[in-house]
Amino acid sequence: MNKKCTFSIVTVSLNSSKLISKTIESVLQQEYPFKEYIIIDGGSTDGTADIISKYQNQLSYWCSEPDGGIYQGMNKGIQHAKNKWIIFMNAGDTFADSHVLSNIALYADDEKYDVLYGDIFTTKNEELKLKTASEPCNKQRMYFCHQAAFVKTSILKATPFNTKFKMSADLFFFKHCRLLGYHFLHVPVTVAVYDSRGISNTQRIKGLQENIRIVKELDKGWDRIRFLCKLYYVVFWIKLTKRGH
């Protein structure tokens, strides 16, 4: 087993007492030994911190204090990460199985790659559906899920998440990485189970509006025009659907 492939798993939570245990257990069940686990709680008031504290002997670092939102919490986790690769498995998310890190380690030793991303299961109404990353389509949106992405920690320390974006800072980060010339690799590993319930149309619209800002800031020429047209159309369609209900 290659000890050079070390992983930092970061969980960010806020008032997630009903979700946090399954995420923690999923991380701790990873059979791969060369890992550390960091939990950043945003000052929960529902007992989440009490649940986390029961696992404190198995954590590399954890804290519970108010912050400026999910991406500020993720940046705080980055500051404490010491291993070569980092993945964010936030409250409610789980690894697909106990072998994920072992499977990713088979690819993580290739120095020419900076971002490794796999596939996910989405769950809705208790049904699992495999969602394969669709690169190079949909680059105006996230074509892979951040719960399925492993990024070199050195890159995230140098260019952390831009907290002016409250919902789409991960899209900004990955598009920026592309522009900087970092190398991405899709790996044939199902990494995570992502619970897609509870995302309202209002949240979708806010996220898409941030995506529009990001495209305006980062994309140029025909790509910019094409992506903006698609995004404006989706926002219009969601608003129309809301009005119909």
C-alpha atoms as a PDB file:
ATOM      1  CA  MET A   1       0.000   0.000   0.000  1.00  0.00           C
ATOM      2  CA  ASN A   2       1.413   3.352  -1.041  1.00  0.00           C
ATOM      3  CA  LYS A   3       1.851   5.663   1.942  1.00  0.00           C
ATOM      4  CA  LYS A   4       2.322   8.664  -0.360  1.00  0.00           C
ATOM      5  CA  CYS A   5      -1.428   8.680  -1.033  1.00  0.00           C
ATOM      6  CA  THR A   6      -2.806  10.335   2.069  1.00  0.00           C
ATOM      7  CA  PHE A   7      -6.263  11.820   2.384  1.00  0.00           C
ATOM      8  CA  SER A   8      -7.913  14.536   4.446  1.00  0.00           C
ATOM      9  CA  ILE A   9     -11.683  14.210   4.725  1.00  0.00           C
ATOM     10  CA  VAL A  10     -13.479  17.388   5.793  1.00  0.00           C
ATOM     11  CA  THR A  11     -17.075  17.546   6.988  1.00  0.00           C
ATOM     12  CA  VAL A  12     -18.869  20.876   7.404  1.00  0.00           C
ATOM     13  CA  SER A  13     -22.093  20.946   9.390  1.00  0.00           C
ATOM     14  CA  LEU A  14     -24.710  23.286  10.840  1.00  0.00           C
ATOM     15  CA  ASN A  15     -27.704  22.083  12.848  1.00  0.00           C
ATOM     16  CA  SER A  16     -27.366  18.630  11.314  1.00  0.00           C
ATOM     17  CA  SER A  17     -28.134  16.420  14.305  1.00  0.00           C
ATOM     18  CA  LYS A  18     -30.276  14.078  12.189  1.00  0.00           C
ATOM     19  CA  LEU A  19     -27.602  13.668   9.508  1.00  0.00           C
ATOM     20  CA  ILE A  20     -24.151  13.970  11.052  1.00  0.00           C
ATOM     21  CA  SER A  21     -23.867  10.468  12.545  1.00  0.00           C
ATOM     22  CA  LYS A  22     -24.299   8.631   9.242  1.00  0.00           C
ATOM     23  CA  THR A  23     -21.653  10.840   7.636  1.00  0.00           C
ATOM     24  CA  ILE A  24     -19.157  10.322  10.459  1.00  0.00           C
ATOM     25  CA  GLU A  25     -19.718   6.552  10.493  1.00  0.00           C
ATOM     26  CA  SER A  26     -19.255   6.416   6.722  1.00  0.00           C
ATOM     27  CA  VAL A  27     -15.892   8.161   6.970  1.00  0.00           C
ATOM     28  CA  LEU A  28     -14.679   6.077   9.904  1.00  0.00           C
ATOM     29  CA  GLN A  29     -15.612   2.871   8.056  1.00  0.00           C
ATOM     30  CA  GLN A  30     -13.138   3.608   5.259  1.00  0.00           C
ATOM     31  CA  GLU A  31     -10.649   0.742   5.347  1.00  0.00           C
ATOM     32  CA  TYR A  32      -7.799   2.837   3.932  1.00  0.00           C
ATOM     33  CA  PRO A  33      -5.481   3.676   6.862  1.00  0.00           C
ATOM     34  CA  PHE A  34      -3.646   6.789   5.644  1.00  0.00           C
ATOM     35  CA  LYS A  35      -6.302   9.388   6.315  1.00  0.00           C
ATOM     36  CA  GLU A  36      -7.327  12.110   8.721  1.00  0.00           C
ATOM     37  CA  TYR A  37     -10.804  13.371   9.532  1.00  0.00           C
ATOM     38  CA  ILE A  38     -11.686  17.005  10.226  1.00  0.00           C
ATOM     39  CA  ILE A  39     -15.128  18.324  11.206  1.00  0.00           C
ATOM     40  CA  ILE A  40     -16.021  22.015  11.144  1.00  0.00           C
ATOM     41  CA  ASP A  41     -19.362  22.809  12.751  1.00  0.00           C
ATOM     42  CA  GLY A  42     -20.802  26.283  12.329  1.00  0.00           C
ATOM     43  CA  GLY A  43     -21.989  26.684  15.916  1.00  0.00           C
ATOM     44  CA  SER A  44     -24.974  24.341  15.867  1.00  0.00           C
ATOM     45  CA  THR A  45     -27.698  24.744  18.488  1.00  0.00           C
ATOM     46  CA  ASP A  46     -29.523  21.448  17.912  1.00  0.00           C
ATOM     47  CA  GLY A  47     -27.106  19.033  19.566  1.00  0.00           C
ATOM     48  CA  THR A  48     -24.890  18.402  16.531  1.00  0.00           C
ATOM     49  CA  ALA A  49     -21.767  19.366  18.475  1.00  0.00           C
ATOM     50  CA  ASP A  50     -22.665  16.920  21.251  1.00  0.00           C
ATOM     51  CA  ILE A  51     -22.846  14.113  18.700  1.00  0.00           C
ATOM     52  CA  ILE A  52     -19.509  15.110  17.151  1.00  0.00           C
ATOM     53  CA  SER A  53     -17.845  15.219  20.567  1.00  0.00           C
ATOM     54  CA  LYS A  54     -18.606  11.519  21.074  1.00  0.00           C
ATOM     55  CA  TYR A  55     -16.230  10.778  18.186  1.00  0.00           C
ATOM     56  CA  GLN A  56     -13.517  13.262  19.136  1.00  0.00           C
ATOM     57  CA  ASN A  57     -10.885  10.597  19.827  1.00  0.00           C
ATOM     58  CA  GLN A  58     -11.198   9.465  16.197  1.00  0.00           C
ATOM     59  CA  LEU A  59     -10.925  12.960  14.731  1.00  0.00           C
ATOM     60  CA  SER A  60      -7.768  14.834  13.787  1.00  0.00           C
ATOM     61  CA  TYR A  61      -9.462  18.160  14.498  1.00  0.00           C
ATOM     62  CA  TRP A  62     -12.932  19.504  15.137  1.00  0.00           C
ATOM     63  CA  CYS A  63     -14.537  22.722  16.301  1.00  0.00           C
ATOM     64  CA  SER A  64     -17.990  24.219  16.738  1.00  0.00           C
ATOM     65  CA  GLU A  65     -18.169  27.987  16.336  1.00  0.00           C
ATOM     66  CA  PRO A  66     -20.140  30.476  14.218  1.00  0.00           C
ATOM     67  CA  ASP A  67     -18.770  31.181  10.750  1.00  0.00           C
ATOM     68  CA  GLY A  68     -19.795  32.888   7.535  1.00  0.00           C
ATOM     69  CA  GLY A  69     -21.340  29.890   5.803  1.00  0.00           C
ATOM     70  CA  ILE A  70     -20.469  26.554   4.239  1.00  0.00           C
ATOM     71  CA  TYR A  71     -17.516  27.753   2.153  1.00  0.00           C
ATOM     72  CA  GLN A  72     -15.931  29.606   5.042  1.00  0.00           C
ATOM     73  CA  GLY A  73     -16.265  26.383   7.009  1.00  0.00           C
ATOM     74  CA  MET A  74     -14.677  24.426   4.161  1.00  0.00           C
ATOM     75  CA  ASN A  75     -11.812  26.924   4.036  1.00  0.00           C
ATOM     76  CA  LYS A  76     -11.313  26.475   7.764  1.00  0.00           C
ATOM     77  CA  GLY A  77     -11.067  22.733   7.205  1.00  0.00           C
ATOM     78  CA  ILE A  78      -8.489  23.305   4.457  1.00  0.00           C
ATOM     79  CA  GLN A  79      -6.335  25.287   6.893  1.00  0.00           C
ATOM     80  CA  HIS A  80      -6.162  22.288   9.225  1.00  0.00           C
ATOM     81  CA  ALA A  81      -5.634  19.639   6.523  1.00  0.00           C
ATOM     82  CA  LYS A  82      -2.190  18.022   6.519  1.00  0.00           C
ATOM     83  CA  ASN A  83      -2.504  15.246   3.944  1.00  0.00           C
ATOM     84  CA  LYS A  84      -1.878  15.251   0.192  1.00  0.00           C
ATOM     85  CA  TRP A  85      -5.469  15.029  -1.059  1.00  0.00           C
ATOM     86  CA  ILE A  86      -8.654  16.518   0.335  1.00  0.00           C
ATOM     87  CA  ILE A  87     -12.318  15.628  -0.136  1.00  0.00           C
ATOM     88  CA  PHE A  88     -15.382  17.290   1.380  1.00  0.00           C
ATOM     89  CA  MET A  89     -18.017  14.923   2.728  1.00  0.00           C
ATOM     90  CA  ASN A  90     -20.508  17.289   4.306  1.00  0.00           C
ATOM     91  CA  ALA A  91     -23.290  16.452   6.748  1.00  0.00           C
ATOM     92  CA  GLY A  92     -25.774  14.114   5.091  1.00  0.00           C
ATOM     93  CA  ASP A  93     -23.281  12.848   2.505  1.00  0.00           C
ATOM     94  CA  THR A  94     -21.707   9.395   2.747  1.00  0.00           C
ATOM     95  CA  PHE A  95     -19.067   7.395   0.930  1.00  0.00           C
ATOM     96  CA  ALA A  96     -20.542   4.860  -1.493  1.00  0.00           C
ATOM     97  CA  ASP A  97     -18.798   1.987   0.312  1.00  0.00           C
ATOM     98  CA  SER A  98     -15.869   1.301   2.640  1.00  0.00           C
ATOM     99  CA  HIS A  99     -13.381   0.822  -0.233  1.00  0.00           C
ATOM    100  CA  VAL A 100     -13.599   4.277  -1.855  1.00  0.00           C
ATOM    101  CA  LEU A 101     -10.298   5.671  -0.559  1.00  0.00           C
ATOM    102  CA  SER A 102      -8.488   2.423  -1.382  1.00  0.00           C
ATOM    103  CA  ASN A 103      -9.823   2.582  -4.937  1.00  0.00           C
ATOM    104  CA  ILE A 104      -8.958   6.269  -5.365  1.00  0.00           C
ATOM    105  CA  ALA A 105      -5.430   5.620  -4.067  1.00  0.00           C
ATOM    106  CA  LEU A 106      -4.788   3.509  -7.175  1.00  0.00           C
ATOM    107  CA  TYR A 107      -4.979   6.728  -9.233  1.00  0.00           C
ATOM    108  CA  ALA A 108      -3.853   9.339  -6.708  1.00  0.00           C
ATOM    109  CA  ASP A 109      -0.143   8.555  -7.014  1.00  0.00           C
ATOM    110  CA  ASP A 110       0.049   9.936 -10.569  1.00  0.00           C
ATOM    111  CA  GLU A 111       1.705  13.320 -10.051  1.00  0.00           C
ATOM    112  CA  LYS A 112       0.447  14.815 -13.316  1.00  0.00           C
ATOM    113  CA  TYR A 113      -3.140  15.032 -12.027  1.00  0.00           C
ATOM    114  CA  ASP A 114      -4.373  17.709  -9.630  1.00  0.00           C
ATOM    115  CA  VAL A 115      -8.080  16.882  -9.402  1.00  0.00           C
ATOM    116  CA  LEU A 116      -9.561  13.386  -9.420  1.00  0.00           C
ATOM    117  CA  TYR A 117     -13.316  13.044  -9.699  1.00  0.00           C
ATOM    118  CA  GLY A 118     -15.593  10.057  -9.764  1.00  0.00           C
ATOM    119  CA  ASP A 119     -19.293   9.306  -9.918  1.00  0.00           C
ATOM    120  CA  ILE A 120     -22.037   9.479  -7.307  1.00  0.00           C
ATOM    121  CA  PHE A 121     -25.293   7.914  -6.304  1.00  0.00           C
ATOM    122  CA  THR A 122     -28.115  10.384  -5.798  1.00  0.00           C
ATOM    123  CA  THR A 123     -30.931   9.404  -3.494  1.00  0.00           C
ATOM    124  CA  LYS A 124     -34.485  10.624  -3.659  1.00  0.00           C
ATOM    125  CA  ASN A 125     -37.549   8.927  -2.202  1.00  0.00           C
ATOM    126  CA  GLU A 126     -35.256   6.157  -0.925  1.00  0.00           C
ATOM    127  CA  GLU A 127     -34.130   5.273  -4.465  1.00  0.00           C
ATOM    128  CA  LEU A 128     -30.476   5.258  -5.535  1.00  0.00           C
ATOM    129  CA  LYS A 129     -29.581   6.476  -9.003  1.00  0.00           C
ATOM    130  CA  LEU A 130     -26.067   6.407 -10.445  1.00  0.00           C
ATOM    131  CA  LYS A 131     -24.982   9.768 -11.811  1.00  0.00           C
ATOM    132  CA  THR A 132     -21.904   9.625 -14.023  1.00  0.00           C
ATOM    133  CA  ALA A 133     -19.815  12.771 -14.435  1.00  0.00           C
ATOM    134  CA  SER A 134     -20.572  14.097 -17.924  1.00  0.00           C
ATOM    135  CA  GLU A 135     -17.338  15.910 -18.848  1.00  0.00           C
ATOM    136  CA  PRO A 136     -16.950  17.867 -21.100  1.00  0.00           C
ATOM    137  CA  CYS A 137     -20.672  18.746 -21.226  1.00  0.00           C
ATOM    138  CA  ASN A 138     -22.371  21.259 -18.931  1.00  0.00           C
ATOM    139  CA  LYS A 139     -19.224  23.206 -18.082  1.00  0.00           C
ATOM    140  CA  GLN A 140     -21.425  26.186 -17.274  1.00  0.00           C
ATOM    141  CA  ARG A 141     -22.653  24.070 -14.349  1.00  0.00           C
ATOM    142  CA  MET A 142     -20.959  21.518 -12.106  1.00  0.00           C
ATOM    143  CA  TYR A 143     -20.554  18.412 -14.279  1.00  0.00           C
ATOM    144  CA  PHE A 144     -19.285  16.470 -11.299  1.00  0.00           C
ATOM    145  CA  CYS A 145     -20.272  16.644  -7.661  1.00  0.00           C
ATOM    146  CA  HIS A 146     -17.816  18.121  -5.168  1.00  0.00           C
ATOM    147  CA  GLN A 147     -18.549  15.155  -2.901  1.00  0.00           C
ATOM    148  CA  ALA A 148     -16.896  13.025  -5.592  1.00  0.00           C
ATOM    149  CA  ALA A 149     -13.837  15.246  -6.116  1.00  0.00           C
ATOM    150  CA  PHE A 150     -10.375  14.820  -4.617  1.00  0.00           C
ATOM    151  CA  VAL A 151      -8.170  17.914  -4.893  1.00  0.00           C
ATOM    152  CA  LYS A 152      -4.523  18.312  -3.990  1.00  0.00           C
ATOM    153  CA  THR A 153      -4.499  20.084  -0.653  1.00  0.00           C
ATOM    154  CA  SER A 154      -1.678  22.386  -1.755  1.00  0.00           C
ATOM    155  CA  ILE A 155      -3.940  23.855  -4.457  1.00  0.00           C
ATOM    156  CA  LEU A 156      -6.795  24.533  -2.042  1.00  0.00           C
ATOM    157  CA  LYS A 157      -4.423  26.134   0.443  1.00  0.00           C
ATOM    158  CA  ALA A 158      -3.114  28.433  -2.311  1.00  0.00           C
ATOM    159  CA  THR A 159      -6.551  29.221  -3.797  1.00  0.00           C
ATOM    160  CA  PRO A 160      -9.295  28.557  -1.227  1.00  0.00           C
ATOM    161  CA  PHE A 161     -12.992  28.902  -1.965  1.00  0.00           C
ATOM    162  CA  ASN A 162     -14.143  32.420  -2.843  1.00  0.00           C
ATOM    163  CA  THR A 163     -16.677  33.189  -0.122  1.00  0.00           C
ATOM    164  CA  LYS A 164     -18.366  35.972  -2.079  1.00  0.00           C
ATOM    165  CA  PHE A 165     -20.260  33.066  -3.663  1.00  0.00           C
ATOM    166  CA  LYS A 166     -22.631  31.504  -1.125  1.00  0.00           C
ATOM    167  CA  MET A 167     -23.852  28.556  -3.214  1.00  0.00           C
ATOM    168  CA  SER A 168     -21.516  28.094  -6.182  1.00  0.00           C
ATOM    169  CA  ALA A 169     -18.008  28.742  -4.871  1.00  0.00           C
ATOM    170  CA  ASP A 170     -17.101  25.170  -5.812  1.00  0.00           C
ATOM    171  CA  LEU A 171     -18.014  25.871  -9.458  1.00  0.00           C
ATOM    172  CA  PHE A 172     -15.883  29.028  -9.395  1.00  0.00           C
ATOM    173  CA  PHE A 173     -12.979  27.083  -7.894  1.00  0.00           C
ATOM    174  CA  PHE A 174     -13.026  24.258 -10.444  1.00  0.00           C
ATOM    175  CA  LYS A 175     -13.513  26.562 -13.444  1.00  0.00           C
ATOM    176  CA  HIS A 176     -10.631  28.678 -12.143  1.00  0.00           C
ATOM    177  CA  CYS A 177      -8.486  25.542 -11.828  1.00  0.00           C
ATOM    178  CA  ARG A 178      -9.207  24.767 -15.487  1.00  0.00           C
ATOM    179  CA  LEU A 179      -8.120  28.268 -16.497  1.00  0.00           C
ATOM    180  CA  LEU A 180      -4.918  27.913 -14.467  1.00  0.00           C
ATOM    181  CA  GLY A 181      -4.066  24.724 -16.361  1.00  0.00           C
ATOM    182  CA  TYR A 182      -4.508  22.165 -13.596  1.00  0.00           C
ATOM    183  CA  HIS A 183      -5.064  18.614 -14.783  1.00  0.00           C
ATOM    184  CA  PHE A 184      -8.324  16.743 -14.125  1.00  0.00           C
ATOM    185  CA  LEU A 185      -8.934  13.005 -14.329  1.00  0.00           C
ATOM    186  CA  HIS A 186     -12.252  11.170 -14.248  1.00  0.00           C
ATOM    187  CA  VAL A 187     -11.774   7.879 -12.413  1.00  0.00           C
ATOM    188  CA  PRO A 188     -14.167   4.899 -12.666  1.00  0.00           C
ATOM    189  CA  VAL A 189     -15.035   4.950  -8.974  1.00  0.00           C
ATOM    190  CA  THR A 190     -18.434   5.632  -7.424  1.00  0.00           C
ATOM    191  CA  VAL A 191     -17.367   7.887  -4.582  1.00  0.00           C
ATOM    192  CA  ALA A 192     -20.372   9.163  -2.667  1.00  0.00           C
ATOM    193  CA  VAL A 193     -24.073   8.999  -1.974  1.00  0.00           C
ATOM    194  CA  TYR A 194     -25.580  12.467  -2.242  1.00  0.00           C
ATOM    195  CA  ASP A 195     -29.027  13.166  -0.806  1.00  0.00           C
ATOM    196  CA  SER A 196     -30.712  15.470  -3.310  1.00  0.00           C
ATOM    197  CA  ARG A 197     -33.877  15.974  -1.278  1.00  0.00           C
ATOM    198  CA  GLY A 198     -34.711  19.330   0.227  1.00  0.00           C
ATOM    199  CA  ILE A 199     -33.341  21.563  -2.531  1.00  0.00           C
ATOM    200  CA  SER A 200     -36.062  24.095  -3.268  1.00  0.00           C
ATOM    201  CA  ASN A 201     -36.629  25.873  -6.569  1.00  0.00           C
ATOM    202  CA  THR A 202     -35.714  29.119  -4.808  1.00  0.00           C
ATOM    203  CA  GLN A 203     -32.318  27.645  -3.879  1.00  0.00           C
ATOM    204  CA  ARG A 204     -31.839  26.361  -7.422  1.00  0.00           C
ATOM    205  CA  ILE A 205     -32.511  29.830  -8.824  1.00  0.00           C
ATOM    206  CA  LYS A 206     -30.058  31.440  -6.388  1.00  0.00           C
ATOM    207  CA  GLY A 207     -27.414  28.890  -7.336  1.00  0.00           C
ATOM    208  CA  LEU A 208     -28.002  29.412 -11.051  1.00  0.00           C
ATOM    209  CA  GLN A 209     -27.815  33.176 -10.611  1.00  0.00           C
ATOM    210  CA  GLU A 210     -24.403  32.727  -9.003  1.00  0.00           C
ATOM    211  CA  ASN A 211     -23.423  30.468 -11.902  1.00  0.00           C
ATOM    212  CA  ILE A 212     -24.327  33.321 -14.254  1.00  0.00           C
ATOM    213  CA  ARG A 213     -22.042  35.669 -12.307  1.00  0.00           C
ATOM    214  CA  ILE A 214     -19.244  33.107 -12.495  1.00  0.00           C
ATOM    215  CA  VAL A 215     -19.613  32.597 -16.246  1.00  0.00           C
ATOM    216  CA  LYS A 216     -19.585  36.367 -16.768  1.00  0.00           C
ATOM    217  CA  GLU A 217     -16.407  36.626 -14.707  1.00  0.00           C
ATOM    218  CA  LEU A 218     -14.441  33.659 -16.068  1.00  0.00           C
ATOM    219  CA  ASP A 219     -15.670  32.679 -19.527  1.00  0.00           C
ATOM    220  CA  LYS A 220     -14.871  34.509 -22.742  1.00  0.00           C
ATOM    221  CA  GLY A 221     -16.127  34.641 -26.321  1.00  0.00           C
ATOM    222  CA  TRP A 222     -18.539  32.078 -27.702  1.00  0.00           C
ATOM    223  CA  ASP A 223     -18.401  29.895 -24.578  1.00  0.00           C
ATOM    224  CA  ARG A 224     -19.568  32.853 -22.499  1.00  0.00           C
ATOM    225  CA  ILE A 225     -22.526  33.568 -24.803  1.00  0.00           C
ATOM    226  CA  ARG A 226     -23.524  29.905 -25.104  1.00  0.00           C
ATOM    227  CA  PHE A 227     -23.325  29.200 -21.380  1.00  0.00           C
ATOM    228  CA  LEU A 228     -25.250  32.348 -20.437  1.00  0.00           C
ATOM    229  CA  CYS A 229     -28.054  31.522 -22.871  1.00  0.00           C
ATOM    230  CA  LYS A 230     -28.427  28.059 -21.328  1.00  0.00           C
ATOM    231  CA  LEU A 231     -28.375  29.387 -17.769  1.00  0.00           C
ATOM    232  CA  TYR A 232     -30.887  32.156 -18.421  1.00  0.00           C
ATOM    233  CA  TYR A 233     -33.186  29.613 -20.068  1.00  0.00           C
ATOM    234  CA  VAL A 234     -33.035  27.261 -17.052  1.00  0.00           C
ATOM    235  CA  VAL A 235     -33.733  30.115 -14.603  1.00  0.00           C
ATOM    236  CA  PHE A 236     -36.703  31.223 -16.732  1.00  0.00           C
ATOM    237  CA  TRP A 237     -38.056  27.659 -16.897  1.00  0.00           C
ATOM    238  CA  ILE A 238     -37.820  27.161 -13.097  1.00  0.00           C
ATOM    239  CA  LYS A 239     -39.560  30.484 -12.444  1.00  0.00           C
ATOM    240  CA  LEU A 240     -42.283  29.525 -14.913  1.00  0.00           C
ATOM    241  CA  THR A 241     -42.724  26.164 -13.182  1.00  0.00           C
ATOM    242  CA  LYS A 242     -43.022  27.863  -9.778  1.00  0.00           C
ATOM    243  CA  ARG A 243     -45.662  30.215 -11.140  1.00  0.00           C
ATOM    244  CA  GLY A 244     -47.599  27.263 -12.543  1.00  0.00           C
ATOM    245  CA  HIS A 245     -47.840  25.733  -9.067  1.00  0.00           C
END
